[in-house]
Amino acid sequence: MTSASARATLGSAALLSLLLLAGCQKEEAPKQAPPAPTVGVVTLEAQPYTLTSELPGRTAAYRMAEVRPQVDGIVQKRLFKEGSEVKAGQQLYQIDAATYQAAVKSAEASALSSRSLAERYQVLVKDQAVSRQQYDEARAAQLQAEAALEKAQIDLRYTKVLAPIAGRIGRSAVTEGALVSSGQSDALAVIQQLDPIYVDVTQSANDLLRLRRELASGQLEKAGDSAAKVELNLPDGSAYAHAGRLEFSEVSVDEGTGSVTLRAVFPNPDKVLLPGMFVQARLQTGSKSAAILAPQQGVTRNSKGEATAMVVGEGNKVEVRVLKAERTAGSFWLVSEGLAAGDRLITEGLQFIKPGAEVQVQPASNVPALAPQTSPANGQAAQLPAQGR
């Protein structure tokens, strides 16, 4: 090998050594840590909160009267327009009164005769011209005749069928010429008082017991004078213009449904509410002066079925909290345990983090800016979303 070839071979070997050394140095360079994931958070605040219960309800007439005849006879006239408003004492029907007028005249004659006889015997008994027994019998006959006259007059008045209450009268079940009788089972017409009007709503007995426990333990505060306030949504979804008040709750639980009936009364000046309508009632049941409302986007369930949330703790590290959240408040959960004011609840980026991880924080963009001041509670705990956002 010539000196030139030896130098070339030596140079190639040196170059190869340098390349291998550079490659080793490159492999041994420390790896850079990936940047911390960014999450969206909501800073929780305590705020006043009013709990409302949304319950199905049905309207019922405030008062209802079935108009029935109290004497036998033929209906001569119907004196009202079906579907109109009638006043208490207004005449609705006229029953043929001829036989009852004759009965009154006969009873008047009998009463006059018996009264005259009793008055004569009263004078004669003092002179002992008649016995005391004869006078007593004449006096008794007078009283019986007067009672018969009073009954005949009552029957005559009953030939005028009057409205027992004021309200809206429905269709007539009889026409002129119909034979009616005292004590018949079928009503001639029905009158319903619609202003005010009742709304009967049903609530689960379990929810009623839970509400009472929360009020007794202080978890919820009584809503004060407004606790009896009730609002309505009509069947078409629109809000009813007038608020009502709670009248009473049933004293027993329905065996078939396990529910309790609550009755509210509403003003109904425009007769918008009609008996038998299905409505949705909202009752104010309690309040909390410092409630924690957590966005539903930040609440999930763990493998045990517990409600959980992830928050950003000290050092911007992720912490897991187990919550007690039993009811919804719009798009929020009412949290009684596990979260406090000032906690930074994670609602965005949950799929990129795990407990103990360090994160970068930014305001969340997937939740409303403000929580609602009232919450509908439909009587059942809503289902929490599954984990794995």
Protein backbone atom coordinates (compact mmCIF):
# COMPACT_ATOMS: atom_id res chain seq x y z
CA MET A 1 0.00 0.00 0.00
CA THR A 2 1.33 3.35 -0.95
CA SER A 3 1.62 6.20 1.42
CA ALA A 4 -1.19 8.05 -0.38
CA SER A 5 -3.54 5.09 -0.06
CA ALA A 6 -2.68 4.72 3.60
CA ARG A 7 -3.43 8.37 4.25
CA ALA A 8 -6.80 8.07 2.46
CA THR A 9 -7.76 5.00 4.45
CA LEU A 10 -6.73 6.69 7.68
CA GLY A 11 -8.79 9.77 6.83
CA SER A 12 -11.92 7.71 6.09
CA ALA A 13 -11.60 5.88 9.38
CA ALA A 14 -11.24 9.16 11.25
CA LEU A 15 -14.29 10.60 9.51
CA LEU A 16 -16.33 7.51 10.33
CA SER A 17 -15.28 7.76 13.97
CA LEU A 18 -16.36 11.39 14.12
CA LEU A 19 -19.77 10.56 12.64
CA LEU A 20 -20.31 7.72 15.11
CA LEU A 21 -19.29 9.97 17.99
CA ALA A 22 -21.70 12.69 16.85
CA GLY A 23 -24.51 10.15 16.60
CA CYS A 24 -23.87 8.91 20.10
CA GLN A 25 -23.80 12.42 21.47
CA LYS A 26 -27.12 13.17 19.74
CA GLU A 27 -28.76 10.07 21.23
CA GLU A 28 -27.50 10.90 24.69
CA ALA A 29 -29.04 14.45 24.62
CA PRO A 30 -31.83 14.86 27.28
CA LYS A 31 -35.45 14.78 26.03
CA GLN A 32 -37.60 17.90 26.57
CA ALA A 33 -40.78 17.37 28.71
CA PRO A 34 -44.08 17.89 26.81
CA PRO A 35 -46.00 21.05 27.73
CA ALA A 36 -48.68 20.78 30.41
CA PRO A 37 -52.17 20.33 28.93
CA THR A 38 -54.50 23.32 28.98
CA VAL A 39 -57.89 22.96 30.69
CA GLY A 40 -60.89 25.25 30.95
CA VAL A 41 -62.04 26.00 34.47
CA VAL A 42 -64.96 27.69 36.21
CA THR A 43 -64.33 29.36 39.56
CA LEU A 44 -67.27 28.43 41.79
CA GLU A 45 -69.09 31.06 43.81
CA ALA A 46 -71.68 30.75 46.56
CA GLN A 47 -74.95 32.44 45.64
CA PRO A 48 -78.59 32.66 46.77
CA TYR A 49 -80.70 29.88 45.36
CA THR A 50 -84.43 29.10 45.42
CA LEU A 51 -85.60 25.54 44.94
CA THR A 52 -88.79 25.00 42.97
CA SER A 53 -90.64 21.78 42.28
CA GLU A 54 -92.19 21.27 38.85
CA LEU A 55 -95.18 18.99 39.26
CA PRO A 56 -97.97 17.88 36.93
CA GLY A 57 -101.38 19.19 37.83
CA ARG A 58 -104.99 19.25 36.77
CA THR A 59 -107.52 22.03 37.16
CA ALA A 60 -110.78 21.60 39.05
CA ALA A 61 -113.73 23.90 39.60
CA TYR A 62 -113.60 25.95 42.79
CA ARG A 63 -117.23 25.01 43.44
CA MET A 64 -119.59 22.77 41.51
CA ALA A 65 -123.32 22.30 41.90
CA GLU A 66 -125.58 19.79 40.15
CA VAL A 67 -129.02 21.25 39.56
CA ARG A 68 -131.80 18.77 40.39
CA PRO A 69 -135.58 19.13 40.73
CA GLN A 70 -137.12 18.92 44.18
CA VAL A 71 -140.68 18.33 43.01
CA ASP A 72 -142.29 16.19 40.32
CA GLY A 73 -143.67 17.74 37.17
CA ILE A 74 -143.34 18.74 33.54
CA VAL A 75 -140.66 21.25 32.56
CA GLN A 76 -142.42 24.22 30.96
CA LYS A 77 -139.45 26.54 30.29
CA ARG A 78 -135.69 26.62 30.25
CA LEU A 79 -134.65 30.14 31.25
CA PHE A 80 -130.87 30.20 30.65
CA LYS A 81 -128.41 30.01 27.77
CA GLU A 82 -126.12 27.00 27.85
CA GLY A 83 -122.52 27.93 28.58
CA SER A 84 -123.42 31.32 30.06
CA GLU A 85 -122.67 32.83 33.44
CA VAL A 86 -125.52 32.59 35.95
CA LYS A 87 -125.99 34.22 39.34
CA ALA A 88 -126.88 32.51 42.60
CA GLY A 89 -130.69 32.45 42.94
CA GLN A 90 -131.31 32.97 39.23
CA GLN A 91 -134.25 30.93 37.91
CA LEU A 92 -133.14 28.21 35.49
CA TYR A 93 -136.29 26.13 34.85
CA GLN A 94 -140.01 26.46 35.39
CA ILE A 95 -141.92 23.28 36.31
CA ASP A 96 -145.70 23.17 35.80
CA ALA A 97 -147.06 24.71 39.00
CA ALA A 98 -150.84 24.25 38.53
CA THR A 99 -151.26 21.27 40.88
CA TYR A 100 -149.02 22.89 43.50
CA GLN A 101 -151.02 26.14 43.41
CA ALA A 102 -154.19 24.13 44.00
CA ALA A 103 -152.52 22.31 46.88
CA VAL A 104 -151.62 25.64 48.45
CA LYS A 105 -155.23 26.88 48.24
CA SER A 106 -156.52 23.66 49.78
CA ALA A 107 -153.98 23.87 52.57
CA GLU A 108 -154.87 27.51 53.21
CA ALA A 109 -158.56 26.57 53.60
CA SER A 110 -157.75 23.75 55.95
CA ALA A 111 -155.45 25.94 58.01
CA LEU A 112 -158.11 28.67 58.25
CA SER A 113 -160.77 26.21 59.41
CA SER A 114 -158.58 24.55 61.99
CA ARG A 115 -157.36 27.87 63.31
CA SER A 116 -160.96 29.15 63.76
CA LEU A 117 -161.97 25.97 65.57
CA ALA A 118 -158.97 26.16 67.89
CA GLU A 119 -159.70 29.81 68.70
CA ARG A 120 -163.36 28.98 69.60
CA TYR A 121 -162.30 26.05 71.75
CA GLN A 122 -159.80 28.29 73.52
CA VAL A 123 -162.71 30.48 74.72
CA LEU A 124 -165.00 27.58 75.52
CA VAL A 125 -162.42 25.67 77.52
CA LYS A 126 -162.18 28.61 79.92
CA ASP A 127 -165.95 28.33 80.54
CA GLN A 128 -165.57 24.56 80.74
CA ALA A 129 -168.00 24.24 77.81
CA VAL A 130 -165.55 21.84 76.14
CA SER A 131 -163.00 19.58 77.66
CA ARG A 132 -159.33 20.31 77.77
CA GLN A 133 -158.70 17.28 75.57
CA GLN A 134 -161.00 18.64 72.85
CA TYR A 135 -159.13 21.92 72.88
CA ASP A 136 -155.77 20.18 72.69
CA GLU A 137 -156.98 18.13 69.71
CA ALA A 138 -158.20 21.27 67.94
CA ARG A 139 -154.90 22.99 68.62
CA ALA A 140 -152.95 20.01 67.25
CA ALA A 141 -155.13 19.96 64.12
CA GLN A 142 -154.40 23.67 63.65
CA LEU A 143 -150.64 23.10 63.84
CA GLN A 144 -150.84 20.18 61.39
CA ALA A 145 -152.87 22.26 58.94
CA GLU A 146 -150.38 25.12 59.17
CA ALA A 147 -147.49 22.71 58.57
CA ALA A 148 -149.27 21.28 55.54
CA LEU A 149 -149.76 24.80 54.22
CA GLU A 150 -146.06 25.59 54.69
CA LYS A 151 -145.08 22.41 52.83
CA ALA A 152 -147.47 23.21 49.98
CA GLN A 153 -145.96 26.69 49.71
CA ILE A 154 -142.44 25.22 49.67
CA ASP A 155 -143.38 22.77 46.92
CA LEU A 156 -144.85 25.65 44.92
CA ARG A 157 -141.60 27.60 45.26
CA TYR A 158 -139.65 24.53 44.12
CA THR A 159 -141.44 24.62 40.77
CA LYS A 160 -139.02 27.47 40.07
CA VAL A 161 -135.65 25.72 39.81
CA LEU A 162 -133.00 28.22 40.97
CA ALA A 163 -129.21 28.30 40.63
CA PRO A 164 -127.64 27.30 43.96
CA ILE A 165 -124.31 29.05 43.18
CA ALA A 166 -122.94 31.59 40.74
CA GLY A 167 -120.80 30.29 37.90
CA ARG A 168 -120.82 28.97 34.35
CA ILE A 169 -123.63 26.59 33.53
CA GLY A 170 -123.14 23.74 31.11
CA ARG A 171 -125.53 22.08 28.71
CA SER A 172 -129.08 21.28 29.76
CA ALA A 173 -129.97 17.61 30.13
CA VAL A 174 -133.70 18.23 29.61
CA THR A 175 -135.90 20.22 27.27
CA GLU A 176 -139.38 21.66 27.57
CA GLY A 177 -141.95 18.93 28.06
CA ALA A 178 -139.64 16.58 29.92
CA LEU A 179 -140.98 14.87 33.02
CA VAL A 180 -138.73 15.33 36.05
CA SER A 181 -139.04 13.97 39.55
CA SER A 182 -137.77 14.76 43.00
CA GLY A 183 -134.67 12.80 43.92
CA GLN A 184 -133.80 11.71 40.39
CA SER A 185 -130.16 10.71 39.87
CA ASP A 186 -129.57 12.70 36.68
CA ALA A 187 -128.87 16.42 37.06
CA LEU A 188 -130.75 18.92 34.93
CA ALA A 189 -127.52 20.94 34.48
CA VAL A 190 -124.18 21.54 36.20
CA ILE A 191 -122.85 24.89 37.39
CA GLN A 192 -119.12 25.38 37.98
CA GLN A 193 -117.46 28.35 39.62
CA LEU A 194 -114.29 29.07 37.61
CA ASP A 195 -112.96 32.19 39.32
CA PRO A 196 -111.03 31.34 41.38
CA ILE A 197 -110.12 27.83 40.28
CA TYR A 198 -108.29 24.91 41.91
CA VAL A 199 -105.18 23.19 40.60
CA ASP A 200 -104.48 19.76 42.10
CA VAL A 201 -100.88 18.58 41.76
CA THR A 202 -99.28 15.34 42.88
CA GLN A 203 -95.91 14.94 44.55
CA SER A 204 -94.07 11.76 45.42
CA ALA A 205 -94.26 10.93 49.11
CA ASN A 206 -90.51 10.21 49.07
CA ASP A 207 -89.74 13.68 47.69
CA LEU A 208 -92.02 15.26 50.27
CA LEU A 209 -90.21 13.43 53.08
CA ARG A 210 -86.80 14.41 51.66
CA LEU A 211 -87.84 18.04 51.44
CA ARG A 212 -89.01 18.03 55.05
CA ARG A 213 -85.75 16.43 56.19
CA GLU A 214 -83.68 19.03 54.34
CA LEU A 215 -85.72 21.85 55.86
CA ALA A 216 -85.46 20.32 59.34
CA SER A 217 -81.69 19.78 59.07
CA GLY A 218 -81.00 23.26 57.72
CA GLN A 219 -79.75 22.09 54.32
CA LEU A 220 -82.60 24.14 52.90
CA GLU A 221 -84.21 27.22 54.39
CA LYS A 222 -87.89 27.97 54.25
CA ALA A 223 -88.76 30.35 51.46
CA GLY A 224 -90.71 32.61 53.82
CA ASP A 225 -94.04 34.04 52.73
CA SER A 226 -93.34 33.03 49.15
CA ALA A 227 -93.29 29.35 50.11
CA ALA A 228 -96.98 29.10 49.22
CA LYS A 229 -96.55 30.80 45.83
CA VAL A 230 -97.36 28.66 42.81
CA GLU A 231 -96.92 29.42 39.10
CA LEU A 232 -98.36 27.60 36.09
CA ASN A 233 -97.47 26.64 32.56
CA LEU A 234 -100.45 26.05 30.28
CA PRO A 235 -100.81 22.97 28.04
CA ASP A 236 -99.30 24.90 25.09
CA GLY A 237 -96.19 25.68 27.16
CA SER A 238 -96.97 29.35 27.76
CA ALA A 239 -96.86 30.86 31.24
CA TYR A 240 -100.12 31.61 33.02
CA ALA A 241 -100.41 35.30 33.83
CA HIS A 242 -101.55 34.95 37.46
CA ALA A 243 -99.76 33.37 40.41
CA GLY A 244 -101.62 31.17 42.85
CA ARG A 245 -101.15 30.06 46.42
CA LEU A 246 -100.97 26.66 48.06
CA GLU A 247 -104.10 25.83 50.02
CA PHE A 248 -103.40 22.44 51.63
CA SER A 249 -101.79 19.05 51.15
CA GLU A 250 -103.63 15.75 51.41
CA VAL A 251 -103.35 13.98 54.75
CA SER A 252 -102.92 10.53 53.24
CA VAL A 253 -100.77 8.88 50.56
CA ASP A 254 -102.41 7.32 47.53
CA GLU A 255 -101.87 3.57 47.82
CA GLY A 256 -101.74 3.05 44.07
CA THR A 257 -99.27 5.79 43.12
CA GLY A 258 -97.42 6.54 46.38
CA SER A 259 -98.06 10.26 45.90
CA VAL A 260 -99.61 13.09 47.90
CA THR A 261 -102.06 15.60 46.42
CA LEU A 262 -101.37 19.31 46.88
CA ARG A 263 -104.11 21.84 46.10
CA ALA A 264 -103.47 25.40 44.96
CA VAL A 265 -105.99 28.12 44.13
CA PHE A 266 -105.54 30.55 41.24
CA PRO A 267 -107.41 33.67 40.15
CA ASN A 268 -109.10 33.07 36.80
CA PRO A 269 -110.76 36.35 35.78
CA ASP A 270 -110.51 35.69 32.04
CA LYS A 271 -111.66 32.06 32.34
CA VAL A 272 -108.47 30.87 30.61
CA LEU A 273 -108.31 27.86 32.92
CA LEU A 274 -111.12 25.35 32.46
CA PRO A 275 -111.83 22.32 34.67
CA GLY A 276 -109.97 19.19 33.59
CA MET A 277 -106.99 20.93 31.93
CA PHE A 278 -103.53 19.42 32.44
CA VAL A 279 -100.96 22.01 33.54
CA GLN A 280 -97.42 22.16 34.93
CA ALA A 281 -97.14 23.80 38.34
CA ARG A 282 -94.01 25.33 39.91
CA LEU A 283 -93.94 25.48 43.70
CA GLN A 284 -91.32 27.41 45.67
CA THR A 285 -90.27 24.93 48.33
CA GLY A 286 -87.07 26.27 49.90
CA SER A 287 -83.94 28.37 49.50
CA LYS A 288 -80.21 28.41 50.29
CA SER A 289 -78.37 31.65 50.97
CA ALA A 290 -74.98 30.21 49.90
CA ALA A 291 -75.51 27.46 47.36
CA ILE A 292 -72.80 25.87 45.22
CA LEU A 293 -73.98 25.31 41.65
CA ALA A 294 -71.58 23.28 39.51
CA PRO A 295 -71.88 23.14 35.70
CA GLN A 296 -72.97 19.72 34.53
CA GLN A 297 -70.03 19.63 32.07
CA GLY A 298 -67.67 19.21 35.03
CA VAL A 299 -69.51 16.43 36.87
CA THR A 300 -69.15 12.73 35.99
CA ARG A 301 -69.40 9.32 37.68
CA ASN A 302 -66.60 7.02 38.70
CA SER A 303 -66.57 3.22 38.51
CA LYS A 304 -68.38 3.04 41.87
CA GLY A 305 -71.22 5.17 40.57
CA GLU A 306 -70.24 8.16 42.72
CA ALA A 307 -70.52 11.69 41.40
CA THR A 308 -67.05 13.14 40.92
CA ALA A 309 -65.39 16.31 39.66
CA MET A 310 -61.84 17.37 38.86
CA VAL A 311 -60.51 20.66 40.21
CA VAL A 312 -57.23 22.55 39.87
CA GLY A 313 -55.51 22.60 43.25
CA GLU A 314 -52.22 23.96 44.55
CA GLY A 315 -49.40 24.11 42.03
CA ASN A 316 -51.96 23.85 39.24
CA LYS A 317 -52.26 20.11 39.86
CA VAL A 318 -55.43 18.14 39.22
CA GLU A 319 -57.43 16.85 42.20
CA VAL A 320 -60.43 14.52 42.20
CA ARG A 321 -63.40 15.29 44.44
CA VAL A 322 -66.29 12.97 45.34
CA LEU A 323 -69.52 14.99 45.36
CA LYS A 324 -73.01 14.84 46.75
CA ALA A 325 -75.26 16.23 44.02
CA GLU A 326 -78.90 15.16 44.15
CA ARG A 327 -80.78 17.58 41.91
CA THR A 328 -80.30 19.70 38.85
CA ALA A 329 -80.66 23.47 38.57
CA GLY A 330 -81.09 24.07 34.87
CA SER A 331 -77.70 23.16 33.36
CA PHE A 332 -76.08 23.04 36.83
CA TRP A 333 -75.94 20.61 39.72
CA LEU A 334 -76.76 21.70 43.25
CA VAL A 335 -73.77 20.38 45.21
CA SER A 336 -74.11 19.91 48.96
CA GLU A 337 -70.73 18.21 49.58
CA GLY A 338 -67.36 18.01 47.83
CA LEU A 339 -67.03 21.50 46.36
CA ALA A 340 -66.70 24.93 47.94
CA ALA A 341 -66.60 28.55 46.88
CA GLY A 342 -63.31 29.39 45.17
CA ASP A 343 -62.69 25.91 43.76
CA ARG A 344 -61.58 25.88 40.13
CA LEU A 345 -63.76 23.24 38.51
CA ILE A 346 -62.45 21.74 35.24
CA THR A 347 -65.11 21.57 32.50
CA GLU A 348 -62.91 21.44 29.36
CA GLY A 349 -60.02 19.11 28.53
CA LEU A 350 -61.06 16.35 30.94
CA GLN A 351 -60.01 13.68 28.42
CA PHE A 352 -56.38 14.88 28.47
CA ILE A 353 -55.73 14.86 32.22
CA LYS A 354 -55.51 12.57 35.20
CA PRO A 355 -55.25 13.13 38.97
CA GLY A 356 -51.94 14.69 40.03
CA ALA A 357 -51.11 16.04 36.57
CA GLU A 358 -49.96 19.64 36.26
CA VAL A 359 -52.10 21.74 33.92
CA GLN A 360 -52.34 25.17 32.42
CA VAL A 361 -55.53 27.05 33.25
CA GLN A 362 -57.80 29.20 31.14
CA PRO A 363 -61.45 30.31 31.57
CA ALA A 364 -63.92 27.71 30.31
CA SER A 365 -65.94 28.52 27.22
CA ASN A 366 -68.46 25.68 27.35
CA VAL A 367 -70.61 26.79 30.30
CA PRO A 368 -73.04 29.68 30.91
CA ALA A 369 -71.58 32.79 32.47
CA LEU A 370 -74.00 32.85 35.41
CA ALA A 371 -75.88 30.14 37.26
CA PRO A 372 -79.67 30.39 37.57
CA GLN A 373 -81.21 31.80 40.74
CA THR A 374 -83.95 29.19 40.86
CA SER A 375 -83.97 25.51 40.18
CA PRO A 376 -86.75 23.23 38.99
CA ALA A 377 -86.82 19.92 40.81
CA ASN A 378 -89.07 17.42 39.10
CA GLY A 379 -89.25 15.18 42.14
CA GLN A 380 -86.60 12.74 40.84
CA ALA A 381 -82.83 12.89 40.94
CA ALA A 382 -81.60 13.41 37.40
CA GLN A 383 -78.99 11.05 35.99
CA LEU A 384 -75.38 12.17 35.98
CA PRO A 385 -73.52 11.90 32.68
CA ALA A 386 -71.18 8.97 32.25
CA GLN A 387 -67.47 9.37 32.76
CA GLY A 388 -65.12 9.67 29.79
CA ARG A 389 -65.64 13.15 28.40
